[in-house]
C-alpha atoms as a PDB file:
ATOM      1  CA  UNK A   1     127.268  80.808 126.528  1.00  0.00           C
ATOM      2  CA  UNK A   2     128.388  81.757 122.930  1.00  0.00           C
ATOM      3  CA  UNK A   3     129.810  84.096 121.994  1.00  0.00           C
ATOM      4  CA  UNK A   4     128.027  87.712 122.353  1.00  0.00           C
ATOM      5  CA  UNK A   5     126.365  88.442 118.952  1.00  0.00           C
ATOM      6  CA  UNK A   6     127.954  92.131 118.639  1.00  0.00           C
ATOM      7  CA  UNK A   7     131.002  91.235 119.590  1.00  0.00           C
ATOM      8  CA  UNK A   8     130.738  88.104 116.967  1.00  0.00           C
ATOM      9  CA  UNK A   9     129.864  90.931 114.198  1.00  0.00           C
ATOM     10  CA  UNK A  10     133.095  93.173 114.993  1.00  0.00           C
ATOM     11  CA  UNK A  11     135.275  89.804 115.407  1.00  0.00           C
ATOM     12  CA  UNK A  12     133.917  88.491 111.958  1.00  0.00           C
ATOM     13  CA  UNK A  13     134.732  92.256 110.607  1.00  0.00           C
ATOM     14  CA  UNK A  14     138.206  92.257 111.857  1.00  0.00           C
ATOM     15  CA  UNK A  15     138.973  89.364 110.332  1.00  0.00           C
ATOM     16  CA  UNK A  16     138.112  90.495 106.746  1.00  0.00           C
ATOM     17  CA  UNK A  17     140.793  92.837 107.633  1.00  0.00           C
ATOM     18  CA  UNK A  18     143.546  90.758 109.252  1.00  0.00           C
ATOM     19  CA  UNK A  19     146.861  90.956 108.339  1.00  0.00           C
ATOM     20  CA  UNK A  20     147.841  88.114 106.670  1.00  0.00           C
ATOM     21  CA  UNK A  21     150.816  87.795 109.519  1.00  0.00           C
ATOM     22  CA  UNK A  22     150.286  89.638 112.343  1.00  0.00           C
ATOM     23  CA  UNK A  23     153.493  88.633 113.769  1.00  0.00           C
ATOM     24  CA  UNK A  24     155.352  90.989 110.937  1.00  0.00           C
ATOM     25  CA  UNK A  25     153.579  93.569 111.408  1.00  0.00           C
ATOM     26  CA  UNK A  26     155.714  96.687 112.167  1.00  0.00           C
ATOM     27  CA  UNK A  27     155.828  98.716 115.643  1.00  0.00           C
ATOM     28  CA  UNK A  28     153.959 101.685 113.884  1.00  0.00           C
ATOM     29  CA  UNK A  29     151.433  99.568 111.950  1.00  0.00           C
ATOM     30  CA  UNK A  30     150.818  97.539 115.386  1.00  0.00           C
ATOM     31  CA  UNK A  31     150.414 100.786 117.344  1.00  0.00           C
ATOM     32  CA  UNK A  32     147.962 102.113 114.633  1.00  0.00           C
ATOM     33  CA  UNK A  33     145.924  99.217 114.993  1.00  0.00           C
ATOM     34  CA  UNK A  34     145.824  99.213 118.273  1.00  0.00           C
ATOM     35  CA  UNK A  35     144.700 103.092 118.350  1.00  0.00           C
ATOM     36  CA  UNK A  36     141.566 102.152 116.032  1.00  0.00           C
ATOM     37  CA  UNK A  37     140.516  99.168 118.519  1.00  0.00           C
ATOM     38  CA  UNK A  38     140.387 101.403 121.368  1.00  0.00           C
ATOM     39  CA  UNK A  39     138.700 104.141 119.543  1.00  0.00           C
ATOM     40  CA  UNK A  40     135.256 101.653 119.844  1.00  0.00           C
ATOM     41  CA  UNK A  41     135.063 102.138 123.230  1.00  0.00           C
ATOM     42  CA  UNK A  42     133.810 105.751 122.431  1.00  0.00           C
ATOM     43  CA  UNK A  43     132.722 108.903 124.444  1.00  0.00           C
ATOM     44  CA  UNK A  44     133.068 107.196 128.102  1.00  0.00           C
ATOM     45  CA  UNK A  45     131.699 109.058 130.909  1.00  0.00           C
ATOM     46  CA  UNK A  46     130.720 112.704 132.360  1.00  0.00           C
ATOM     47  CA  UNK A  47     133.732 113.449 135.111  1.00  0.00           C
ATOM     48  CA  UNK A  48     134.756 116.906 137.038  1.00  0.00           C
ATOM     49  CA  UNK A  49     138.072 117.565 135.270  1.00  0.00           C
ATOM     50  CA  UNK A  50     140.684 116.035 133.764  1.00  0.00           C
ATOM     51  CA  UNK A  51     144.451 117.295 134.486  1.00  0.00           C
ATOM     52  CA  UNK A  52     147.927 116.007 133.053  1.00  0.00           C
ATOM     53  CA  UNK A  53     151.222 116.286 134.955  1.00  0.00           C
ATOM     54  CA  UNK A  54     154.689 115.730 134.375  1.00  0.00           C
ATOM     55  CA  UNK A  55     155.864 113.890 137.204  1.00  0.00           C
ATOM     56  CA  UNK A  56     159.946 112.777 137.850  1.00  0.00           C
ATOM     57  CA  UNK A  57     160.503 108.855 136.203  1.00  0.00           C
ATOM     58  CA  UNK A  58     163.487 106.747 136.617  1.00  0.00           C
ATOM     59  CA  UNK A  59     164.123 107.534 132.773  1.00  0.00           C
ATOM     60  CA  UNK A  60     163.002 110.655 132.048  1.00  0.00           C
ATOM     61  CA  UNK A  61     159.730 112.942 132.993  1.00  0.00           C
ATOM     62  CA  UNK A  62     156.459 110.912 133.059  1.00  0.00           C
ATOM     63  CA  UNK A  63     153.012 112.010 132.537  1.00  0.00           C
ATOM     64  CA  UNK A  64     149.892 110.912 134.770  1.00  0.00           C
ATOM     65  CA  UNK A  65     146.408 111.957 133.781  1.00  0.00           C
ATOM     66  CA  UNK A  66     144.337 112.932 137.025  1.00  0.00           C
ATOM     67  CA  UNK A  67     140.412 111.900 136.692  1.00  0.00           C
ATOM     68  CA  UNK A  68     138.431 113.300 139.206  1.00  0.00           C
ATOM     69  CA  UNK A  69     134.723 112.240 139.302  1.00  0.00           C
ATOM     70  CA  UNK A  70     131.411 114.437 139.844  1.00  0.00           C
ATOM     71  CA  UNK A  71     129.638 114.706 143.070  1.00  0.00           C
ATOM     72  CA  UNK A  72     131.753 112.592 145.702  1.00  0.00           C
ATOM     73  CA  UNK A  73     132.219 115.358 148.168  1.00  0.00           C
ATOM     74  CA  UNK A  74     135.061 117.371 149.252  1.00  0.00           C
ATOM     75  CA  UNK A  75     137.061 114.621 151.486  1.00  0.00           C
ATOM     76  CA  UNK A  76     139.662 112.661 150.407  1.00  0.00           C
ATOM     77  CA  UNK A  77     139.385 110.211 147.664  1.00  0.00           C
ATOM     78  CA  UNK A  78     140.093 106.873 146.568  1.00  0.00           C
ATOM     79  CA  UNK A  79     142.477 106.792 143.645  1.00  0.00           C
ATOM     80  CA  UNK A  80     142.964 103.718 140.954  1.00  0.00           C
ATOM     81  CA  UNK A  81     146.534 103.523 140.007  1.00  0.00           C
ATOM     82  CA  UNK A  82     145.771 102.930 136.085  1.00  0.00           C
ATOM     83  CA  UNK A  83     148.132 101.412 133.499  1.00  0.00           C
ATOM     84  CA  UNK A  84     147.073 100.761 129.930  1.00  0.00           C
ATOM     85  CA  UNK A  85     147.419  97.635 128.037  1.00  0.00           C
ATOM     86  CA  UNK A  86     148.948  97.717 124.533  1.00  0.00           C
ATOM     87  CA  UNK A  87     151.247  94.574 124.886  1.00  0.00           C
ATOM     88  CA  UNK A  88     153.846  97.071 126.161  1.00  0.00           C
ATOM     89  CA  UNK A  89     154.587  98.256 122.890  1.00  0.00           C
ATOM     90  CA  UNK A  90     151.057 100.005 122.188  1.00  0.00           C
ATOM     91  CA  UNK A  91     148.639 102.298 123.657  1.00  0.00           C
ATOM     92  CA  UNK A  92     148.940 105.513 125.408  1.00  0.00           C
ATOM     93  CA  UNK A  93     146.822 107.745 127.744  1.00  0.00           C
ATOM     94  CA  UNK A  94     144.996 108.839 125.225  1.00  0.00           C
ATOM     95  CA  UNK A  95     143.799 105.371 123.755  1.00  0.00           C
ATOM     96  CA  UNK A  96     142.402 104.337 127.247  1.00  0.00           C
ATOM     97  CA  UNK A  97     140.994 107.717 127.785  1.00  0.00           C
ATOM     98  CA  UNK A  98     137.417 106.908 127.290  1.00  0.00           C
ATOM     99  CA  UNK A  99     137.928 103.500 129.551  1.00  0.00           C
ATOM    100  CA  UNK A 100     139.381 105.672 132.612  1.00  0.00           C
ATOM    101  CA  UNK A 101     136.611 107.956 132.553  1.00  0.00           C
ATOM    102  CA  UNK A 102     133.957 105.225 132.946  1.00  0.00           C
ATOM    103  CA  UNK A 103     136.298 104.080 135.628  1.00  0.00           C
ATOM    104  CA  UNK A 104     136.318 107.166 137.393  1.00  0.00           C
ATOM    105  CA  UNK A 105     132.403 107.707 137.691  1.00  0.00           C
ATOM    106  CA  UNK A 106     131.523 104.261 138.024  1.00  0.00           C
ATOM    107  CA  UNK A 107     133.748 103.893 141.136  1.00  0.00           C
ATOM    108  CA  UNK A 108     133.661 107.524 142.197  1.00  0.00           C
ATOM    109  CA  UNK A 109     137.815 107.784 142.733  1.00  0.00           C
ATOM    110  CA  UNK A 110     140.192 109.908 141.170  1.00  0.00           C
ATOM    111  CA  UNK A 111     141.573 107.812 137.960  1.00  0.00           C
ATOM    112  CA  UNK A 112     145.364 108.588 137.591  1.00  0.00           C
ATOM    113  CA  UNK A 113     146.407 107.168 134.657  1.00  0.00           C
ATOM    114  CA  UNK A 114     149.986 106.471 134.234  1.00  0.00           C
ATOM    115  CA  UNK A 115     151.976 106.631 131.326  1.00  0.00           C
ATOM    116  CA  UNK A 116     154.970 104.307 130.804  1.00  0.00           C
ATOM    117  CA  UNK A 117     158.216 103.749 128.344  1.00  0.00           C
ATOM    118  CA  UNK A 118     157.103 101.451 125.811  1.00  0.00           C
ATOM    119  CA  UNK A 119     159.259  98.762 124.262  1.00  0.00           C
ATOM    120  CA  UNK A 120     161.342  98.573 121.586  1.00  0.00           C
ATOM    121  CA  UNK A 121     162.439 101.747 122.387  1.00  0.00           C
ATOM    122  CA  UNK A 122     162.404 101.229 125.837  1.00  0.00           C
ATOM    123  CA  UNK A 123     162.745  97.698 126.767  1.00  0.00           C
ATOM    124  CA  UNK A 124     162.291  95.398 129.483  1.00  0.00           C
ATOM    125  CA  UNK A 125     162.276  96.428 132.279  1.00  0.00           C
ATOM    126  CA  UNK A 126     161.784 100.188 131.392  1.00  0.00           C
ATOM    127  CA  UNK A 127     157.914  99.660 131.719  1.00  0.00           C
ATOM    128  CA  UNK A 128     158.252  98.530 135.447  1.00  0.00           C
ATOM    129  CA  UNK A 129     160.045 100.584 136.582  1.00  0.00           C
ATOM    130  CA  UNK A 130     157.839 103.427 135.614  1.00  0.00           C
ATOM    131  CA  UNK A 131     154.977 102.107 136.941  1.00  0.00           C
ATOM    132  CA  UNK A 132     156.547 101.626 140.522  1.00  0.00           C
ATOM    133  CA  UNK A 133     157.708 104.894 140.024  1.00  0.00           C
ATOM    134  CA  UNK A 134     154.289 106.410 139.314  1.00  0.00           C
ATOM    135  CA  UNK A 135     152.810 104.790 141.973  1.00  0.00           C
ATOM    136  CA  UNK A 136     155.170 105.594 144.587  1.00  0.00           C
ATOM    137  CA  UNK A 137     154.954 109.041 143.951  1.00  0.00           C
ATOM    138  CA  UNK A 138     151.286 109.471 143.777  1.00  0.00           C
ATOM    139  CA  UNK A 139     151.270 107.548 147.178  1.00  0.00           C
ATOM    140  CA  UNK A 140     153.820 109.994 148.523  1.00  0.00           C
ATOM    141  CA  UNK A 141     151.793 113.229 147.486  1.00  0.00           C
ATOM    142  CA  UNK A 142     148.661 111.801 148.503  1.00  0.00           C
ATOM    143  CA  UNK A 143     147.375 114.226 150.477  1.00  0.00           C
ATOM    144  CA  UNK A 144     148.167 117.157 147.925  1.00  0.00           C
ATOM    145  CA  UNK A 145     146.391 115.472 145.430  1.00  0.00           C
ATOM    146  CA  UNK A 146     142.969 114.770 147.510  1.00  0.00           C
ATOM    147  CA  UNK A 147     143.684 110.973 147.570  1.00  0.00           C
ATOM    148  CA  UNK A 148     143.018 108.662 150.911  1.00  0.00           C
ATOM    149  CA  UNK A 149     145.886 106.758 151.506  1.00  0.00           C
ATOM    150  CA  UNK A 150     144.300 104.103 152.823  1.00  0.00           C
ATOM    151  CA  UNK A 151     142.321 103.559 149.332  1.00  0.00           C
ATOM    152  CA  UNK A 152     144.812 103.175 146.676  1.00  0.00           C
ATOM    153  CA  UNK A 153     143.881 100.754 144.078  1.00  0.00           C
ATOM    154  CA  UNK A 154     146.178  99.323 141.618  1.00  0.00           C
ATOM    155  CA  UNK A 155     144.752  98.393 138.314  1.00  0.00           C
ATOM    156  CA  UNK A 156     145.591  97.686 134.464  1.00  0.00           C
ATOM    157  CA  UNK A 157     144.002  95.991 131.369  1.00  0.00           C
ATOM    158  CA  UNK A 158     145.860  93.472 129.812  1.00  0.00           C
ATOM    159  CA  UNK A 159     149.372  93.673 129.455  1.00  0.00           C
ATOM    160  CA  UNK A 160     148.713  97.288 132.216  1.00  0.00           C
ATOM    161  CA  UNK A 161     147.735  94.512 134.063  1.00  0.00           C
ATOM    162  CA  UNK A 162     151.198  92.332 134.046  1.00  0.00           C
ATOM    163  CA  UNK A 163     152.252  95.776 135.465  1.00  0.00           C
ATOM    164  CA  UNK A 164     149.636  96.355 137.854  1.00  0.00           C
ATOM    165  CA  UNK A 165     150.742  92.962 139.455  1.00  0.00           C
ATOM    166  CA  UNK A 166     154.266  93.246 139.468  1.00  0.00           C
ATOM    167  CA  UNK A 167     154.108  96.459 141.114  1.00  0.00           C
ATOM    168  CA  UNK A 168     151.211  95.224 144.527  1.00  0.00           C
ATOM    169  CA  UNK A 169     153.822  91.977 144.815  1.00  0.00           C
ATOM    170  CA  UNK A 170     157.064  94.938 144.755  1.00  0.00           C
ATOM    171  CA  UNK A 171     154.809  96.810 147.467  1.00  0.00           C
ATOM    172  CA  UNK A 172     154.183  94.404 149.843  1.00  0.00           C
ATOM    173  CA  UNK A 173     157.952  94.752 150.801  1.00  0.00           C
ATOM    174  CA  UNK A 174     158.405  98.466 149.608  1.00  0.00           C
ATOM    175  CA  UNK A 175     155.560  99.979 149.865  1.00  0.00           C
ATOM    176  CA  UNK A 176     153.004 101.978 149.129  1.00  0.00           C
ATOM    177  CA  UNK A 177     150.340  99.810 150.872  1.00  0.00           C
ATOM    178  CA  UNK A 178     147.806  98.865 148.511  1.00  0.00           C
ATOM    179  CA  UNK A 179     144.112  98.159 149.494  1.00  0.00           C
ATOM    180  CA  UNK A 180     143.089  96.964 146.087  1.00  0.00           C
ATOM    181  CA  UNK A 181     143.980  95.342 142.947  1.00  0.00           C
ATOM    182  CA  UNK A 182     142.049  95.421 139.960  1.00  0.00           C
ATOM    183  CA  UNK A 183     143.034  93.444 136.632  1.00  0.00           C
ATOM    184  CA  UNK A 184     141.113  93.358 133.559  1.00  0.00           C
ATOM    185  CA  UNK A 185     141.863  90.487 131.637  1.00  0.00           C
ATOM    186  CA  UNK A 186     145.386  91.005 132.706  1.00  0.00           C
ATOM    187  CA  UNK A 187     148.719  88.851 130.896  1.00  0.00           C
ATOM    188  CA  UNK A 188     149.961  86.969 133.801  1.00  0.00           C
ATOM    189  CA  UNK A 189     152.131  84.258 132.099  1.00  0.00           C
ATOM    190  CA  UNK A 190     153.923  84.391 129.385  1.00  0.00           C
ATOM    191  CA  UNK A 191     155.044  81.007 129.097  1.00  0.00           C
ATOM    192  CA  UNK A 192     151.743  79.495 129.587  1.00  0.00           C
ATOM    193  CA  UNK A 193     150.746  76.664 127.304  1.00  0.00           C
ATOM    194  CA  UNK A 194     147.103  76.980 128.160  1.00  0.00           C
ATOM    195  CA  UNK A 195     143.643  75.248 127.027  1.00  0.00           C
ATOM    196  CA  UNK A 196     142.473  78.809 126.280  1.00  0.00           C
ATOM    197  CA  UNK A 197     145.757  79.829 124.576  1.00  0.00           C
ATOM    198  CA  UNK A 198     144.915  77.115 122.106  1.00  0.00           C
ATOM    199  CA  UNK A 199     141.541  77.071 121.684  1.00  0.00           C
ATOM    200  CA  UNK A 200     141.260  81.042 120.825  1.00  0.00           C
ATOM    201  CA  UNK A 201     144.938  81.173 119.214  1.00  0.00           C
ATOM    202  CA  UNK A 202     143.404  83.427 116.658  1.00  0.00           C
ATOM    203  CA  UNK A 203     140.651  85.610 115.994  1.00  0.00           C
ATOM    204  CA  UNK A 204     139.416  86.632 119.541  1.00  0.00           C
ATOM    205  CA  UNK A 205     141.266  90.227 119.161  1.00  0.00           C
ATOM    206  CA  UNK A 206     144.754  88.730 120.709  1.00  0.00           C
ATOM    207  CA  UNK A 207     146.179  86.332 118.113  1.00  0.00           C
ATOM    208  CA  UNK A 208     148.824  84.187 119.907  1.00  0.00           C
ATOM    209  CA  UNK A 209     151.480  85.166 117.300  1.00  0.00           C
ATOM    210  CA  UNK A 210     150.930  89.063 117.856  1.00  0.00           C
ATOM    211  CA  UNK A 211     151.841  87.966 121.685  1.00  0.00           C
ATOM    212  CA  UNK A 212     154.844  86.297 120.598  1.00  0.00           C
ATOM    213  CA  UNK A 213     156.218  89.494 118.421  1.00  0.00           C
ATOM    214  CA  UNK A 214     155.190  91.732 121.117  1.00  0.00           C
ATOM    215  CA  UNK A 215     157.380  89.757 123.663  1.00  0.00           C
ATOM    216  CA  UNK A 216     160.038  89.531 121.223  1.00  0.00           C
ATOM    217  CA  UNK A 217     160.051  93.392 120.916  1.00  0.00           C
ATOM    218  CA  UNK A 218     160.151  93.655 125.105  1.00  0.00           C
ATOM    219  CA  UNK A 219     163.308  92.189 125.038  1.00  0.00           C
ATOM    220  CA  UNK A 220     165.547  89.582 125.540  1.00  0.00           C
ATOM    221  CA  UNK A 221     163.456  87.784 128.960  1.00  0.00           C
ATOM    222  CA  UNK A 222     162.553  84.612 130.324  1.00  0.00           C
ATOM    223  CA  UNK A 223     158.754  84.037 130.062  1.00  0.00           C
ATOM    224  CA  UNK A 224     159.810  81.998 133.512  1.00  0.00           C
ATOM    225  CA  UNK A 225     160.338  85.591 135.405  1.00  0.00           C
ATOM    226  CA  UNK A 226     157.935  86.501 137.619  1.00  0.00           C
ATOM    227  CA  UNK A 227     158.904  89.894 136.473  1.00  0.00           C
ATOM    228  CA  UNK A 228     157.755  89.164 133.207  1.00  0.00           C
ATOM    229  CA  UNK A 229     155.339  86.472 134.323  1.00  0.00           C
ATOM    230  CA  UNK A 230     154.038  87.159 137.529  1.00  0.00           C
ATOM    231  CA  UNK A 231     151.895  84.270 138.044  1.00  0.00           C
ATOM    232  CA  UNK A 232     155.249  82.627 138.547  1.00  0.00           C
ATOM    233  CA  UNK A 233     155.845  84.592 141.727  1.00  0.00           C
ATOM    234  CA  UNK A 234     157.329  82.018 144.240  1.00  0.00           C
ATOM    235  CA  UNK A 235     154.876  83.164 147.209  1.00  0.00           C
ATOM    236  CA  UNK A 236     151.969  85.445 146.338  1.00  0.00           C
ATOM    237  CA  UNK A 237     150.852  85.352 150.556  1.00  0.00           C
ATOM    238  CA  UNK A 238     150.228  89.207 151.277  1.00  0.00           C
ATOM    239  CA  UNK A 239     148.980  90.797 148.328  1.00  0.00           C
ATOM    240  CA  UNK A 240     146.146  92.718 148.362  1.00  0.00           C
ATOM    241  CA  UNK A 241     142.352  92.035 148.079  1.00  0.00           C
ATOM    242  CA  UNK A 242     142.134  91.366 144.398  1.00  0.00           C
ATOM    243  CA  UNK A 243     139.510  91.930 141.919  1.00  0.00           C
ATOM    244  CA  UNK A 244     140.140  89.701 138.735  1.00  0.00           C
ATOM    245  CA  UNK A 245     138.049  90.170 135.820  1.00  0.00           C
ATOM    246  CA  UNK A 246     138.588  87.485 132.607  1.00  0.00           C
ATOM    247  CA  UNK A 247     136.578  86.833 129.669  1.00  0.00           C
ATOM    248  CA  UNK A 248     135.088  83.540 128.351  1.00  0.00           C
ATOM    249  CA  UNK A 249     136.874  84.127 124.620  1.00  0.00           C
ATOM    250  CA  UNK A 250     140.041  85.239 125.804  1.00  0.00           C
ATOM    251  CA  UNK A 251     143.689  83.513 125.219  1.00  0.00           C
ATOM    252  CA  UNK A 252     144.394  84.563 128.875  1.00  0.00           C
ATOM    253  CA  UNK A 253     141.153  82.978 129.989  1.00  0.00           C
ATOM    254  CA  UNK A 254     142.947  80.274 131.923  1.00  0.00           C
ATOM    255  CA  UNK A 255     145.860  82.083 133.417  1.00  0.00           C
ATOM    256  CA  UNK A 256     143.776  84.518 135.029  1.00  0.00           C
ATOM    257  CA  UNK A 257     141.593  81.704 136.884  1.00  0.00           C
ATOM    258  CA  UNK A 258     145.342  79.932 137.611  1.00  0.00           C
ATOM    259  CA  UNK A 259     146.106  83.678 139.454  1.00  0.00           C
ATOM    260  CA  UNK A 260     142.450  83.772 141.082  1.00  0.00           C
ATOM    261  CA  UNK A 261     143.347  80.258 142.876  1.00  0.00           C
ATOM    262  CA  UNK A 262     147.087  80.528 143.375  1.00  0.00           C
ATOM    263  CA  UNK A 263     145.938  83.891 145.581  1.00  0.00           C
ATOM    264  CA  UNK A 264     143.057  82.021 147.246  1.00  0.00           C
ATOM    265  CA  UNK A 265     145.431  79.671 148.279  1.00  0.00           C
ATOM    266  CA  UNK A 266     147.635  81.827 149.573  1.00  0.00           C
ATOM    267  CA  UNK A 267     145.116  83.800 151.859  1.00  0.00           C
ATOM    268  CA  UNK A 268     144.600  86.430 149.833  1.00  0.00           C
ATOM    269  CA  UNK A 269     140.832  88.046 149.443  1.00  0.00           C
ATOM    270  CA  UNK A 270     140.117  87.358 146.006  1.00  0.00           C
ATOM    271  CA  UNK A 271     137.155  87.693 143.383  1.00  0.00           C
ATOM    272  CA  UNK A 272     137.347  86.188 140.104  1.00  0.00           C
ATOM    273  CA  UNK A 273     134.648  87.015 137.259  1.00  0.00           C
ATOM    274  CA  UNK A 274     134.700  85.229 134.120  1.00  0.00           C
ATOM    275  CA  UNK A 275     132.207  87.266 131.553  1.00  0.00           C
ATOM    276  CA  UNK A 276     130.219  84.854 129.472  1.00  0.00           C
ATOM    277  CA  UNK A 277     130.372  85.372 125.846  1.00  0.00           C
ATOM    278  CA  UNK A 278     133.274  88.300 125.761  1.00  0.00           C
ATOM    279  CA  UNK A 279     136.234  88.017 124.132  1.00  0.00           C
ATOM    280  CA  UNK A 280     139.734  89.777 125.326  1.00  0.00           C
ATOM    281  CA  UNK A 281     139.438  93.302 125.667  1.00  0.00           C
ATOM    282  CA  UNK A 282     135.648  93.734 126.082  1.00  0.00           C
ATOM    283  CA  UNK A 283     136.118  96.654 128.546  1.00  0.00           C
ATOM    284  CA  UNK A 284     137.260  98.354 125.329  1.00  0.00           C
ATOM    285  CA  UNK A 285     134.469  97.551 123.154  1.00  0.00           C
ATOM    286  CA  UNK A 286     131.718  99.396 124.960  1.00  0.00           C
ATOM    287  CA  UNK A 287     130.597 102.096 122.155  1.00  0.00           C
ATOM    288  CA  UNK A 288     128.995  99.069 120.074  1.00  0.00           C
ATOM    289  CA  UNK A 289     129.199  96.099 122.613  1.00  0.00           C
ATOM    290  CA  UNK A 290     125.785  96.911 124.858  1.00  0.00           C
ATOM    291  CA  UNK A 291     126.701  93.637 126.777  1.00  0.00           C
ATOM    292  CA  UNK A 292     130.510  94.931 127.100  1.00  0.00           C
ATOM    293  CA  UNK A 293     128.977  98.433 128.832  1.00  0.00           C
ATOM    294  CA  UNK A 294     126.844  96.103 130.985  1.00  0.00           C
ATOM    295  CA  UNK A 295     130.043  94.365 132.567  1.00  0.00           C
ATOM    296  CA  UNK A 296     132.165  97.303 132.773  1.00  0.00           C
ATOM    297  CA  UNK A 297     129.207  98.891 134.796  1.00  0.00           C
ATOM    298  CA  UNK A 298     129.245  95.935 136.961  1.00  0.00           C
ATOM    299  CA  UNK A 299     132.798  95.971 137.391  1.00  0.00           C
ATOM    300  CA  UNK A 300     132.967  99.781 138.464  1.00  0.00           C
ATOM    301  CA  UNK A 301     130.072  98.848 141.209  1.00  0.00           C
ATOM    302  CA  UNK A 302     132.191  95.895 142.692  1.00  0.00           C
ATOM    303  CA  UNK A 303     135.272  98.080 142.839  1.00  0.00           C
ATOM    304  CA  UNK A 304     132.979 101.005 144.989  1.00  0.00           C
ATOM    305  CA  UNK A 305     131.050  98.507 147.244  1.00  0.00           C
ATOM    306  CA  UNK A 306     134.460  97.177 148.218  1.00  0.00           C
ATOM    307  CA  UNK A 307     136.462 100.373 148.795  1.00  0.00           C
ATOM    308  CA  UNK A 308     133.219 101.872 150.998  1.00  0.00           C
ATOM    309  CA  UNK A 309     134.096  98.911 153.382  1.00  0.00           C
END
């Protein structure tokens, strides 16, 4: 299937405004560019309430934004602990507000969007430490938050998917028990030399040169380190049930498929969907790409069904 025509028009327009060398963008320019891209989500969906809470973190206070769904009753609800994308150098709770509203409404779960420190001001492993701390705090306070501790979902998109994956890998030994891992176009192997990284190196919302620049900002790290590239973990046995959603026109496509295969080989229940015609970040294009919203709605239905079992 070819690239979705609505997505193609967007990519063609973005190509006209593309910096001559994205890898040389100043960090604030990188962040502003990402904010503008995420604004294409638009609106989101209706939820019952949104509340920001401040929780303790390893490097200072962290903000967690709680979205509560409408019409799901008074009993404890599942929670989706969500980590935003942005290459671990960009993005915040506001950039992913529309996406979190859609997840909350569509899954029928509380969404706890957990902010974390960004590089280069806070290099590796600050984001990982914050993500682990936020997950632990939410699980420890589940009763007071109206959360069912047996239905904790850890989720993330792109670079946030890296964090979600690492949190789940660490939770196997340290806890809490994670019921489901939900990954949207996650970055899983920063040292990968895959066919999709070559084929879609430029012009598909995640340029290879930009990824390399983000990695430089993230700090002096070894791309072979499983804390940087969680696909490279030695053992994936005991991981939670996993839903992976990748995109056909995404440089990350092949590493996402490889992670699904490794999970299956390790005996983990995994479902991998590669969304035809979609580029990286399709879940953030719901305001202008109708098929992207249809795909995101399908993702929500799948997660809801898993949590209802």
